[in-house]
Amino acid sequence: MAQVGSTVLTKTSVAGSDGVTKYSLAWTSDASGNVSGNALAFTPGSVVAVEFIPAAGGSAPTDLYDVGFLDASGTSMFDDGAGASIGLNLSGTLATHRAPFINGASKTYVRAWLQGSSGGNPYQLTVANAGAAKSGTVNLYVSYRTL
């Protein structure tokens, strides 16, 4: 379990050496119901899918909590292609499975690409409106190939 107001990152290969890497980000909110300021390192790749999994029982976040994933410039990696985040207004009891897309100039949707964290460009998971000392997990599935 993550310390209050923080995120713990674990990495697992889920589809062999050429496949997909699962990044699990376990988070616990602070007394204000937020998580932020944790630098997280990722390798480059296309985001295949994202799972938002609230904790159960008394550790479950408040319904309609929000999760963001920002690059070093503050750009949301959870954009839905229409300028909104796929991590907004999440259920405090049910897991949610979504995929972030980037809307190109021609209205072609492509999967979000993580640039990686080389050169000191970390990512940051943010959580808001979760309630005090609540927790959950965000699983990011990333392919090193362009999809």
N, C-alpha and C. Protein backbone atom coordinates (compact mmCIF):
# COMPACT_ATOMS: atom_id res chain seq x y z
N MET A 1 0.84 -1.18 0.00
CA MET A 1 0.00 0.00 0.00
C MET A 1 0.89 1.24 0.00
N ALA A 2 0.48 2.23 -0.75
CA ALA A 2 1.23 3.48 -0.83
C ALA A 2 1.04 4.29 0.45
N GLN A 3 2.07 5.08 0.80
CA GLN A 3 1.93 5.99 1.92
C GLN A 3 0.92 7.06 1.57
N VAL A 4 0.36 7.70 2.57
CA VAL A 4 -0.66 8.72 2.36
C VAL A 4 -0.14 9.81 1.43
N GLY A 5 -0.94 10.13 0.41
CA GLY A 5 -0.60 11.17 -0.56
C GLY A 5 0.41 10.76 -1.60
N SER A 6 0.65 9.45 -1.75
CA SER A 6 1.70 9.01 -2.66
C SER A 6 1.26 7.87 -3.57
N THR A 7 2.19 7.49 -4.46
CA THR A 7 1.96 6.44 -5.44
C THR A 7 3.14 5.46 -5.40
N VAL A 8 2.86 4.16 -5.52
CA VAL A 8 3.90 3.14 -5.62
C VAL A 8 3.77 2.49 -7.00
N LEU A 9 4.86 2.43 -7.75
CA LEU A 9 4.87 1.91 -9.11
C LEU A 9 5.52 0.54 -9.17
N THR A 10 4.84 -0.44 -9.80
CA THR A 10 5.44 -1.74 -10.10
C THR A 10 5.27 -2.01 -11.58
N LYS A 11 6.19 -2.78 -12.15
CA LYS A 11 6.22 -3.03 -13.59
C LYS A 11 6.28 -4.53 -13.84
N THR A 12 5.41 -5.03 -14.75
CA THR A 12 5.34 -6.46 -15.07
C THR A 12 5.17 -6.64 -16.57
N SER A 13 5.89 -7.59 -17.16
CA SER A 13 5.68 -7.93 -18.57
C SER A 13 4.48 -8.87 -18.64
N VAL A 14 3.47 -8.52 -19.44
CA VAL A 14 2.26 -9.34 -19.50
C VAL A 14 2.08 -10.07 -20.82
N ALA A 15 2.94 -9.80 -21.80
CA ALA A 15 2.79 -10.47 -23.09
C ALA A 15 4.14 -10.85 -23.68
N GLY A 16 5.04 -11.32 -22.85
CA GLY A 16 6.35 -11.73 -23.34
C GLY A 16 7.27 -10.55 -23.60
N SER A 17 8.45 -10.83 -24.10
CA SER A 17 9.44 -9.79 -24.28
C SER A 17 9.10 -8.82 -25.40
N ASP A 18 8.25 -9.20 -26.34
CA ASP A 18 7.89 -8.24 -27.40
C ASP A 18 6.56 -7.58 -27.15
N GLY A 19 5.96 -7.84 -26.06
CA GLY A 19 4.57 -7.43 -25.91
C GLY A 19 4.32 -6.19 -25.11
N VAL A 20 3.46 -6.37 -24.17
CA VAL A 20 2.89 -5.26 -23.41
C VAL A 20 3.45 -5.29 -21.99
N THR A 21 3.74 -4.11 -21.47
CA THR A 21 4.18 -3.97 -20.08
C THR A 21 3.03 -3.38 -19.27
N LYS A 22 2.79 -3.97 -18.12
CA LYS A 22 1.76 -3.47 -17.21
C LYS A 22 2.45 -2.67 -16.11
N TYR A 23 2.07 -1.41 -15.99
CA TYR A 23 2.53 -0.56 -14.91
C TYR A 23 1.38 -0.42 -13.91
N SER A 24 1.56 -0.90 -12.70
CA SER A 24 0.54 -0.77 -11.66
C SER A 24 0.94 0.37 -10.74
N LEU A 25 0.03 1.31 -10.58
CA LEU A 25 0.27 2.46 -9.73
C LEU A 25 -0.73 2.41 -8.57
N ALA A 26 -0.26 1.95 -7.41
CA ALA A 26 -1.10 1.90 -6.21
C ALA A 26 -1.01 3.26 -5.54
N TRP A 27 -2.15 3.84 -5.22
CA TRP A 27 -2.15 5.18 -4.63
C TRP A 27 -2.99 5.21 -3.35
N THR A 28 -2.64 6.14 -2.47
CA THR A 28 -3.41 6.42 -1.26
C THR A 28 -3.49 7.94 -1.12
N SER A 29 -4.69 8.45 -0.95
CA SER A 29 -4.89 9.89 -0.88
C SER A 29 -4.49 10.46 0.48
N ASP A 30 -4.20 11.76 0.47
CA ASP A 30 -3.88 12.47 1.71
C ASP A 30 -5.17 12.91 2.41
N ALA A 31 -5.06 13.69 3.47
CA ALA A 31 -6.23 14.13 4.23
C ALA A 31 -7.19 14.99 3.41
N SER A 32 -6.69 15.60 2.33
CA SER A 32 -7.54 16.41 1.44
C SER A 32 -8.18 15.58 0.34
N GLY A 33 -7.85 14.29 0.28
CA GLY A 33 -8.40 13.42 -0.76
C GLY A 33 -7.63 13.46 -2.07
N ASN A 34 -6.35 13.91 -2.00
CA ASN A 34 -5.55 14.10 -3.21
C ASN A 34 -4.27 13.29 -3.19
N VAL A 35 -3.71 13.08 -4.41
CA VAL A 35 -2.38 12.51 -4.59
C VAL A 35 -1.72 13.35 -5.68
N SER A 36 -0.48 13.77 -5.45
CA SER A 36 0.26 14.50 -6.49
C SER A 36 1.72 14.61 -6.09
N GLY A 37 2.54 15.05 -7.06
CA GLY A 37 3.94 15.34 -6.77
C GLY A 37 4.87 14.15 -6.74
N ASN A 38 4.43 12.99 -7.23
CA ASN A 38 5.29 11.81 -7.24
C ASN A 38 5.84 11.60 -8.64
N ALA A 39 7.16 11.72 -8.82
CA ALA A 39 7.79 11.52 -10.13
C ALA A 39 7.88 10.02 -10.42
N LEU A 40 7.34 9.60 -11.57
CA LEU A 40 7.30 8.19 -11.95
C LEU A 40 7.99 7.99 -13.29
N ALA A 41 8.85 6.98 -13.39
CA ALA A 41 9.60 6.72 -14.61
C ALA A 41 8.92 5.65 -15.47
N PHE A 42 8.79 5.92 -16.76
CA PHE A 42 8.20 4.99 -17.72
C PHE A 42 9.09 4.91 -18.94
N THR A 43 9.04 3.77 -19.63
CA THR A 43 9.75 3.64 -20.91
C THR A 43 8.81 4.10 -22.02
N PRO A 44 9.33 4.48 -23.19
CA PRO A 44 8.48 4.93 -24.29
C PRO A 44 7.53 3.82 -24.77
N GLY A 45 6.36 4.22 -25.26
CA GLY A 45 5.42 3.26 -25.81
C GLY A 45 4.02 3.81 -25.97
N SER A 46 3.18 3.04 -26.65
CA SER A 46 1.78 3.38 -26.87
C SER A 46 0.95 2.86 -25.71
N VAL A 47 0.06 3.70 -25.19
CA VAL A 47 -0.83 3.27 -24.12
C VAL A 47 -1.95 2.45 -24.74
N VAL A 48 -2.00 1.17 -24.42
CA VAL A 48 -2.99 0.26 -24.98
C VAL A 48 -4.31 0.37 -24.23
N ALA A 49 -4.23 0.40 -22.91
CA ALA A 49 -5.44 0.46 -22.09
C ALA A 49 -5.08 0.96 -20.69
N VAL A 50 -6.11 1.43 -19.99
CA VAL A 50 -5.95 1.89 -18.61
C VAL A 50 -7.09 1.31 -17.80
N GLU A 51 -6.76 0.76 -16.63
CA GLU A 51 -7.77 0.27 -15.69
C GLU A 51 -7.71 1.12 -14.43
N PHE A 52 -8.86 1.56 -13.97
CA PHE A 52 -8.98 2.29 -12.72
C PHE A 52 -9.69 1.36 -11.74
N ILE A 53 -9.00 0.97 -10.67
CA ILE A 53 -9.56 -0.02 -9.75
C ILE A 53 -9.62 0.59 -8.34
N PRO A 54 -10.82 0.89 -7.86
CA PRO A 54 -10.93 1.44 -6.50
C PRO A 54 -10.71 0.34 -5.46
N ALA A 55 -10.20 0.72 -4.30
CA ALA A 55 -10.08 -0.23 -3.20
C ALA A 55 -11.49 -0.60 -2.71
N ALA A 56 -11.56 -1.63 -1.91
CA ALA A 56 -12.87 -2.08 -1.39
C ALA A 56 -13.09 -1.59 0.04
N GLY A 57 -14.32 -1.69 0.49
CA GLY A 57 -14.67 -1.39 1.88
C GLY A 57 -14.39 0.04 2.29
N GLY A 58 -13.85 0.21 3.49
CA GLY A 58 -13.60 1.54 4.03
C GLY A 58 -12.49 2.30 3.34
N SER A 59 -11.68 1.62 2.53
CA SER A 59 -10.62 2.29 1.78
C SER A 59 -11.07 2.75 0.40
N ALA A 60 -12.31 2.45 0.04
CA ALA A 60 -12.82 2.82 -1.29
C ALA A 60 -12.89 4.34 -1.42
N PRO A 61 -12.48 4.86 -2.58
CA PRO A 61 -12.56 6.32 -2.79
C PRO A 61 -14.01 6.79 -2.91
N THR A 62 -14.19 8.08 -2.72
CA THR A 62 -15.49 8.70 -2.88
C THR A 62 -15.94 8.56 -4.33
N ASP A 63 -17.22 8.30 -4.54
CA ASP A 63 -17.75 8.19 -5.90
C ASP A 63 -17.49 9.49 -6.66
N LEU A 64 -17.19 9.37 -7.95
CA LEU A 64 -16.90 10.48 -8.86
C LEU A 64 -15.54 11.12 -8.58
N TYR A 65 -14.58 10.32 -8.09
CA TYR A 65 -13.22 10.82 -7.91
C TYR A 65 -12.55 10.94 -9.27
N ASP A 66 -11.43 11.67 -9.33
CA ASP A 66 -10.75 11.95 -10.59
C ASP A 66 -9.29 11.50 -10.53
N VAL A 67 -8.81 10.92 -11.65
CA VAL A 67 -7.42 10.52 -11.77
C VAL A 67 -6.84 11.13 -13.03
N GLY A 68 -5.66 11.73 -12.89
CA GLY A 68 -4.96 12.29 -14.04
C GLY A 68 -3.58 11.67 -14.16
N PHE A 69 -3.00 11.79 -15.34
CA PHE A 69 -1.64 11.28 -15.59
C PHE A 69 -0.96 12.31 -16.47
N LEU A 70 0.00 13.02 -15.90
CA LEU A 70 0.61 14.16 -16.58
C LEU A 70 2.06 13.90 -16.96
N ASP A 71 2.47 14.45 -18.13
CA ASP A 71 3.88 14.37 -18.49
C ASP A 71 4.62 15.54 -17.85
N ALA A 72 5.92 15.67 -18.12
CA ALA A 72 6.73 16.71 -17.48
C ALA A 72 6.27 18.12 -17.84
N SER A 73 5.55 18.28 -18.96
CA SER A 73 5.03 19.59 -19.37
C SER A 73 3.66 19.88 -18.78
N GLY A 74 3.08 18.92 -18.07
CA GLY A 74 1.74 19.09 -17.52
C GLY A 74 0.64 18.70 -18.49
N THR A 75 1.01 18.04 -19.61
CA THR A 75 0.03 17.58 -20.59
C THR A 75 -0.61 16.29 -20.11
N SER A 76 -1.93 16.20 -20.22
CA SER A 76 -2.64 14.99 -19.78
C SER A 76 -2.43 13.86 -20.76
N MET A 77 -1.99 12.73 -20.24
CA MET A 77 -1.84 11.52 -21.05
C MET A 77 -3.13 10.70 -21.03
N PHE A 78 -4.15 11.18 -20.33
CA PHE A 78 -5.44 10.51 -20.26
C PHE A 78 -6.50 11.25 -21.08
N ASP A 79 -6.07 12.00 -22.08
CA ASP A 79 -7.00 12.71 -22.96
C ASP A 79 -7.86 11.69 -23.70
N ASP A 80 -9.15 11.98 -23.87
CA ASP A 80 -10.05 11.05 -24.56
C ASP A 80 -10.20 11.36 -26.05
N GLY A 81 -9.42 12.30 -26.58
CA GLY A 81 -9.53 12.66 -27.98
C GLY A 81 -10.46 13.83 -28.20
N ALA A 82 -11.24 14.17 -27.21
CA ALA A 82 -12.16 15.30 -27.33
C ALA A 82 -11.82 16.39 -26.31
N GLY A 83 -10.65 16.29 -25.70
CA GLY A 83 -10.21 17.30 -24.76
C GLY A 83 -10.60 17.05 -23.32
N ALA A 84 -11.22 15.93 -23.02
CA ALA A 84 -11.59 15.58 -21.64
C ALA A 84 -10.74 14.39 -21.19
N SER A 85 -10.66 14.17 -19.92
CA SER A 85 -9.86 13.08 -19.37
C SER A 85 -10.68 11.81 -19.21
N ILE A 86 -10.07 10.66 -19.52
CA ILE A 86 -10.74 9.38 -19.29
C ILE A 86 -10.78 9.04 -17.81
N GLY A 87 -10.07 9.81 -16.98
CA GLY A 87 -10.04 9.56 -15.55
C GLY A 87 -10.96 10.43 -14.73
N LEU A 88 -11.94 11.08 -15.36
CA LEU A 88 -12.87 11.94 -14.62
C LEU A 88 -14.09 11.17 -14.14
N ASN A 89 -14.57 11.53 -12.96
CA ASN A 89 -15.84 11.03 -12.42
C ASN A 89 -15.91 9.50 -12.36
N LEU A 90 -14.90 8.91 -11.75
CA LEU A 90 -14.82 7.45 -11.67
C LEU A 90 -15.68 6.91 -10.53
N SER A 91 -16.14 5.68 -10.70
CA SER A 91 -16.92 5.01 -9.67
C SER A 91 -16.05 4.66 -8.48
N GLY A 92 -16.57 4.85 -7.28
CA GLY A 92 -15.85 4.48 -6.08
C GLY A 92 -15.98 3.01 -5.74
N THR A 93 -16.79 2.25 -6.51
CA THR A 93 -16.99 0.83 -6.21
C THR A 93 -16.72 -0.10 -7.38
N LEU A 94 -16.81 0.40 -8.61
CA LEU A 94 -16.64 -0.45 -9.79
C LEU A 94 -15.37 -0.09 -10.56
N ALA A 95 -14.63 -1.09 -11.01
CA ALA A 95 -13.45 -0.86 -11.83
C ALA A 95 -13.88 -0.35 -13.21
N THR A 96 -13.03 0.47 -13.82
CA THR A 96 -13.30 1.05 -15.13
C THR A 96 -12.13 0.75 -16.06
N HIS A 97 -12.44 0.35 -17.30
CA HIS A 97 -11.41 0.04 -18.30
C HIS A 97 -11.59 1.00 -19.47
N ARG A 98 -10.54 1.77 -19.78
CA ARG A 98 -10.63 2.77 -20.86
C ARG A 98 -9.33 2.84 -21.64
N ALA A 99 -9.36 3.52 -22.80
CA ALA A 99 -8.16 3.73 -23.63
C ALA A 99 -8.06 5.20 -24.01
N PRO A 100 -6.90 5.84 -23.74
CA PRO A 100 -6.73 7.24 -24.12
C PRO A 100 -6.33 7.36 -25.58
N PHE A 101 -6.90 8.33 -26.27
CA PHE A 101 -6.56 8.60 -27.67
C PHE A 101 -6.22 10.07 -27.83
N ILE A 102 -5.44 10.37 -28.85
CA ILE A 102 -5.12 11.75 -29.18
C ILE A 102 -5.81 12.08 -30.49
N ASN A 103 -6.53 13.18 -30.52
CA ASN A 103 -7.27 13.60 -31.71
C ASN A 103 -6.33 14.38 -32.61
N GLY A 104 -6.00 13.82 -33.79
CA GLY A 104 -5.15 14.51 -34.75
C GLY A 104 -5.91 15.60 -35.48
N ALA A 105 -5.20 16.45 -36.21
CA ALA A 105 -5.81 17.58 -36.92
C ALA A 105 -6.87 17.13 -37.91
N SER A 106 -6.74 15.93 -38.46
CA SER A 106 -7.71 15.45 -39.45
C SER A 106 -8.83 14.63 -38.81
N LYS A 107 -8.95 14.69 -37.50
CA LYS A 107 -9.95 13.93 -36.74
C LYS A 107 -9.64 12.44 -36.71
N THR A 108 -8.41 12.08 -37.02
CA THR A 108 -7.98 10.70 -36.88
C THR A 108 -7.54 10.50 -35.44
N TYR A 109 -8.02 9.45 -34.83
CA TYR A 109 -7.67 9.18 -33.44
C TYR A 109 -6.53 8.18 -33.37
N VAL A 110 -5.51 8.49 -32.60
CA VAL A 110 -4.37 7.60 -32.40
C VAL A 110 -4.19 7.38 -30.90
N ARG A 111 -3.57 6.28 -30.56
CA ARG A 111 -3.34 6.01 -29.14
C ARG A 111 -2.30 6.96 -28.57
N ALA A 112 -2.45 7.29 -27.30
CA ALA A 112 -1.49 8.17 -26.63
C ALA A 112 -0.13 7.50 -26.59
N TRP A 113 0.92 8.28 -26.82
CA TRP A 113 2.30 7.79 -26.83
C TRP A 113 3.04 8.38 -25.64
N LEU A 114 3.63 7.52 -24.82
CA LEU A 114 4.47 7.97 -23.72
C LEU A 114 5.87 8.17 -24.27
N GLN A 115 6.45 9.34 -24.05
CA GLN A 115 7.78 9.64 -24.56
C GLN A 115 8.88 8.98 -23.75
N GLY A 116 8.54 8.45 -22.62
CA GLY A 116 9.54 7.86 -21.74
C GLY A 116 10.07 8.91 -20.78
N SER A 117 10.83 8.46 -19.80
CA SER A 117 11.30 9.35 -18.76
C SER A 117 12.78 9.65 -18.83
N SER A 118 13.42 9.32 -19.97
CA SER A 118 14.86 9.58 -20.08
C SER A 118 15.11 11.08 -20.04
N GLY A 119 16.25 11.47 -19.54
CA GLY A 119 16.59 12.88 -19.46
C GLY A 119 15.85 13.63 -18.37
N GLY A 120 15.32 12.91 -17.39
CA GLY A 120 14.67 13.57 -16.26
C GLY A 120 13.29 14.12 -16.57
N ASN A 121 12.53 13.45 -17.40
CA ASN A 121 11.17 13.88 -17.73
C ASN A 121 10.16 12.90 -17.16
N PRO A 122 9.95 12.94 -15.86
CA PRO A 122 9.05 11.96 -15.24
C PRO A 122 7.57 12.28 -15.48
N TYR A 123 6.75 11.28 -15.25
CA TYR A 123 5.30 11.42 -15.30
C TYR A 123 4.79 11.54 -13.87
N GLN A 124 3.54 11.95 -13.72
CA GLN A 124 2.95 12.13 -12.40
C GLN A 124 1.49 11.69 -12.42
N LEU A 125 1.13 10.80 -11.49
CA LEU A 125 -0.26 10.43 -11.31
C LEU A 125 -0.87 11.42 -10.32
N THR A 126 -2.05 11.93 -10.65
CA THR A 126 -2.75 12.83 -9.74
C THR A 126 -4.12 12.25 -9.44
N VAL A 127 -4.56 12.41 -8.21
CA VAL A 127 -5.88 11.97 -7.79
C VAL A 127 -6.52 13.13 -7.04
N ALA A 128 -7.80 13.36 -7.30
CA ALA A 128 -8.54 14.43 -6.62
C ALA A 128 -9.92 13.92 -6.22
N ASN A 129 -10.46 14.48 -5.17
CA ASN A 129 -11.83 14.19 -4.71
C ASN A 129 -12.04 12.75 -4.27
N ALA A 130 -10.99 12.08 -3.80
CA ALA A 130 -11.11 10.67 -3.43
C ALA A 130 -11.56 10.47 -1.98
N GLY A 131 -11.48 11.50 -1.16
CA GLY A 131 -11.74 11.35 0.26
C GLY A 131 -10.44 11.11 1.01
N ALA A 132 -10.43 11.35 2.31
CA ALA A 132 -9.22 11.23 3.12
C ALA A 132 -8.79 9.78 3.27
N ALA A 133 -7.49 9.53 3.03
CA ALA A 133 -6.86 8.21 3.22
C ALA A 133 -7.58 7.09 2.46
N LYS A 134 -8.03 7.37 1.28
CA LYS A 134 -8.66 6.36 0.41
C LYS A 134 -7.62 5.85 -0.57
N SER A 135 -7.89 4.71 -1.22
CA SER A 135 -6.86 4.14 -2.10
C SER A 135 -7.46 3.44 -3.30
N GLY A 136 -6.58 3.13 -4.23
CA GLY A 136 -6.95 2.42 -5.44
C GLY A 136 -5.71 2.11 -6.25
N THR A 137 -5.93 1.55 -7.42
CA THR A 137 -4.83 1.19 -8.32
C THR A 137 -5.19 1.63 -9.73
N VAL A 138 -4.19 2.14 -10.44
CA VAL A 138 -4.33 2.43 -11.86
C VAL A 138 -3.35 1.53 -12.58
N ASN A 139 -3.85 0.71 -13.50
CA ASN A 139 -3.00 -0.15 -14.31
C ASN A 139 -2.90 0.44 -15.71
N LEU A 140 -1.68 0.73 -16.15
CA LEU A 140 -1.43 1.21 -17.51
C LEU A 140 -0.79 0.06 -18.29
N TYR A 141 -1.34 -0.26 -19.43
CA TYR A 141 -0.80 -1.28 -20.32
C TYR A 141 -0.14 -0.55 -21.48
N VAL A 142 1.18 -0.73 -21.63
CA VAL A 142 1.96 0.03 -22.61
C VAL A 142 2.70 -0.93 -23.53
N SER A 143 2.56 -0.72 -24.85
CA SER A 143 3.31 -1.48 -25.85
C SER A 143 4.45 -0.61 -26.34
N TYR A 144 5.64 -1.17 -26.47
CA TYR A 144 6.75 -0.36 -26.95
C TYR A 144 6.62 -0.04 -28.44
N ARG A 145 5.66 -0.64 -29.10
CA ARG A 145 5.44 -0.39 -30.52
C ARG A 145 4.38 0.69 -30.72
N THR A 146 4.45 1.37 -31.84
CA THR A 146 3.42 2.34 -32.19
C THR A 146 2.20 1.58 -32.67
N LEU A 147 1.03 1.90 -32.13
CA LEU A 147 -0.21 1.21 -32.51
C LEU A 147 -1.12 2.14 -33.27
